[in-house]
Amino acid sequence: MLRRLEAVQFVGDVGSGRTRPIIVAGEDDDENVIEVVVKFSSSCEMGTSSLAVEVIAACLAGTLGLPIPEPFIVVIPDDWRGCLPDDVRGRFSEFDNLAFGSKLLWPQWPAWAVTNHLTPSMVQTAAEVLAFDGFIENMDRRDGNPNCLVSGEQIRIFDHELAFPRGLLGPKPWAVGGLQPFTEPGHHIFRRELLAKGIDFAAIREKWANLLDDDIDAYGAAVPGAWRDDGFLADILTKIRQVRDNIGGCMTELDRILR
C-alpha cells in the first residue's frame, strides 16, 4: 500500500526530533525524484516495530481520509552511506537497509504553533485528527511537539510511532475516562480549539464503523518482511478492530471531552 523509493542523495538534516530524521532524495520506479523525511529503525525506541506502527497508522489514516504527507518505504543501497556526513552516518546502523519516509513539505508548510487557530473550514478535519489520536492512543501531538504542519487552512499530520502503546494498563478509548488524558492543557493541539464547536460526529463514527476486515489485514500486509513481528502486528490490528466494534463508546467519550 506504500510506494517504494530508493535513496539516491542526502539532502540535509532535519535538525530536530526524537528519532533525528534526515531529508533524502529518493527515486521511484519511474525515475521520479521525491524528497522525503526519513527515519531509521535504529533511532526509534522500538526499532523496526516503531516503523511497523508508522506503516499501519499511515494506512489507517489513508482509509479514514486524514491529511498525511504521502508515506513511503525507502530502500537504502549498501553503497549509499558513503554520501552521508560522518556525524549523520554514525547515527544509523549498517543494518538499516529500509527506512520509513514521509514526503517533504517543510519549510513551505511550517509546524503548527500554539498561536495558530482553527478556521471554521478546518474544524471537522481537526476533530477527525483528535478522534484518530484518541482511538489509536497516540499522545504525541501536543503543544511543543505538534507533529502537524499547516499551510493556510490545510494541515498535514505525521509521526505516529508511539501509537498503539503496548503493555500499558488503563481504560480503553471506548470506556468512560478513556480519552481523559486529552483534556489536560496542552496534551493535544486541537482539543482546546474544538470545544463546543459544530462537529459532525456522525461522519467520524461512520468512517470508523465502515472499516473492513480485509482492509485492516492489508495494513499488516503492507509492513515489510524485515519489520514484521506477527504477534506484535496481530495485537495492533486487533486494537483497530476493537475500536471499530466499540465505536459507539469511543464516540460517547469523544463527545464528552469536547463539550
Foldseek 3Di string as FASTA:
>chain_A
DAFEWEFDAFDAWPPDDQQRWGWTWTQGPVRDTFIWTKGAQLSDPNRLLLVLQQLLLVLLCVLLVAAAARKYKYAYDLPNLVNDPPVVSVSDDSPRRIIIIGGDDPPLWPFDALPDAADLVLQQNLLLVLLSCLLQVQQQCWHVRNQWTDDDNDIHHHDRSCTNPPPDDDDHLLDACSRVVVLPPGSHSCLVNQAPDDYDLVSSLVSLLPDDPVSLVVSSVPRDPVSDDPVSSVSSSVSSVVCNVSVVSNSVNSVVSRD
